[in-house]
Amino acid sequence: MSGSKKARFSATGFLPVPKLREMLLELKELLESGKLKSVIYKSYPLDQVPEAHAYADTGHKRGNIIMTI
């Protein structure tokens, strides 16, 4: 399922803990309510981080790449 709304998140930068907690709780509520869906395109084991980055850099991915632990 694909919609017209897109979101991009970055793990860089600094947010005060209370603000980060507030944002994560809002994200959790959106996911649990079904208003936001995550598209997992491909997963890699943790020892294949370089391969996952290389694949993401190709520009061919259509969703999120996750690392499994």
C-alpha atoms as a PDB file:
ATOM      1  CA  MET A   1       0.000   0.000   0.000  1.00  0.00           C
ATOM      2  CA  SER A   2       1.397   3.371  -0.945  1.00  0.00           C
ATOM      3  CA  GLY A   3       0.137   6.845  -0.170  1.00  0.00           C
ATOM      4  CA  SER A   4       1.030  10.363  -1.155  1.00  0.00           C
ATOM      5  CA  LYS A   5       2.405  11.376   2.239  1.00  0.00           C
ATOM      6  CA  LYS A   6       6.076  10.763   2.902  1.00  0.00           C
ATOM      7  CA  ALA A   7       8.192  11.174   6.013  1.00  0.00           C
ATOM      8  CA  ARG A   8      11.940  11.271   6.390  1.00  0.00           C
ATOM      9  CA  PHE A   9      13.694  10.833   9.694  1.00  0.00           C
ATOM     10  CA  SER A  10      17.307  11.409  10.572  1.00  0.00           C
ATOM     11  CA  ALA A  11      19.238  10.003  13.507  1.00  0.00           C
ATOM     12  CA  THR A  12      21.652  12.928  13.634  1.00  0.00           C
ATOM     13  CA  GLY A  13      21.400  16.042  15.733  1.00  0.00           C
ATOM     14  CA  PHE A  14      20.491  16.688  19.334  1.00  0.00           C
ATOM     15  CA  LEU A  15      17.093  16.939  20.956  1.00  0.00           C
ATOM     16  CA  PRO A  16      16.443  17.419  24.659  1.00  0.00           C
ATOM     17  CA  VAL A  17      15.256  14.141  26.209  1.00  0.00           C
ATOM     18  CA  PRO A  18      11.718  15.392  27.021  1.00  0.00           C
ATOM     19  CA  LYS A  19      11.180  16.556  23.419  1.00  0.00           C
ATOM     20  CA  LEU A  20      12.584  13.301  22.016  1.00  0.00           C
ATOM     21  CA  ARG A  21      10.339  11.282  24.352  1.00  0.00           C
ATOM     22  CA  GLU A  22       7.315  13.325  23.235  1.00  0.00           C
ATOM     23  CA  MET A  23       8.121  12.765  19.562  1.00  0.00           C
ATOM     24  CA  LEU A  24       8.683   9.027  20.038  1.00  0.00           C
ATOM     25  CA  LEU A  25       5.370   8.656  21.899  1.00  0.00           C
ATOM     26  CA  GLU A  26       3.576  10.479  19.075  1.00  0.00           C
ATOM     27  CA  LEU A  27       5.260   8.207  16.527  1.00  0.00           C
ATOM     28  CA  LYS A  28       4.262   5.135  18.582  1.00  0.00           C
ATOM     29  CA  GLU A  29       0.629   6.290  18.670  1.00  0.00           C
ATOM     30  CA  LEU A  30       0.578   6.846  14.895  1.00  0.00           C
ATOM     31  CA  LEU A  31       2.016   3.381  14.260  1.00  0.00           C
ATOM     32  CA  GLU A  32      -0.351   1.655  16.701  1.00  0.00           C
ATOM     33  CA  SER A  33      -3.407   3.438  15.278  1.00  0.00           C
ATOM     34  CA  GLY A  34      -2.495   2.458  11.723  1.00  0.00           C
ATOM     35  CA  LYS A  35      -2.239   6.094  10.589  1.00  0.00           C
ATOM     36  CA  LEU A  36       1.440   5.550   9.800  1.00  0.00           C
ATOM     37  CA  LYS A  37       2.831   2.432   8.196  1.00  0.00           C
ATOM     38  CA  SER A  38       6.465   1.579   7.782  1.00  0.00           C
ATOM     39  CA  VAL A  39       7.557  -0.053   4.551  1.00  0.00           C
ATOM     40  CA  ILE A  40      10.343  -2.561   5.189  1.00  0.00           C
ATOM     41  CA  TYR A  41      12.001  -3.262   1.870  1.00  0.00           C
ATOM     42  CA  LYS A  42      14.960  -5.395   2.854  1.00  0.00           C
ATOM     43  CA  SER A  43      16.725  -6.633   5.975  1.00  0.00           C
ATOM     44  CA  TYR A  44      20.359  -7.486   6.611  1.00  0.00           C
ATOM     45  CA  PRO A  45      22.081  -9.171   9.558  1.00  0.00           C
ATOM     46  CA  LEU A  46      24.096  -6.775  11.693  1.00  0.00           C
ATOM     47  CA  ASP A  47      27.404  -8.100  10.358  1.00  0.00           C
ATOM     48  CA  GLN A  48      26.416  -6.895   6.854  1.00  0.00           C
ATOM     49  CA  VAL A  49      26.156  -3.164   7.610  1.00  0.00           C
ATOM     50  CA  PRO A  50      28.562  -2.229   4.765  1.00  0.00           C
ATOM     51  CA  GLU A  51      26.460  -4.225   2.275  1.00  0.00           C
ATOM     52  CA  ALA A  52      23.264  -2.553   3.514  1.00  0.00           C
ATOM     53  CA  HIS A  53      24.819   0.904   3.098  1.00  0.00           C
ATOM     54  CA  ALA A  54      26.081   0.001  -0.354  1.00  0.00           C
ATOM     55  CA  TYR A  55      22.613  -1.161  -1.380  1.00  0.00           C
ATOM     56  CA  ALA A  56      20.962   1.980  -0.005  1.00  0.00           C
ATOM     57  CA  ASP A  57      23.437   4.108  -1.962  1.00  0.00           C
ATOM     58  CA  THR A  58      22.389   2.508  -5.264  1.00  0.00           C
ATOM     59  CA  GLY A  59      19.119   4.449  -5.186  1.00  0.00           C
ATOM     60  CA  HIS A  60      17.063   1.320  -5.954  1.00  0.00           C
ATOM     61  CA  LYS A  61      15.490   0.759  -2.541  1.00  0.00           C
ATOM     62  CA  ARG A  62      11.727   1.296  -2.246  1.00  0.00           C
ATOM     63  CA  GLY A  63      11.354   1.314   1.538  1.00  0.00           C
ATOM     64  CA  ASN A  64      13.313   1.008   4.752  1.00  0.00           C
ATOM     65  CA  ILE A  65      16.317  -1.218   5.185  1.00  0.00           C
ATOM     66  CA  ILE A  66      16.549  -2.755   8.626  1.00  0.00           C
ATOM     67  CA  MET A  67      19.382  -4.454  10.454  1.00  0.00           C
ATOM     68  CA  THR A  68      18.565  -7.618  12.401  1.00  0.00           C
ATOM     69  CA  ILE A  69      20.344  -8.409  15.641  1.00  0.00           C
END
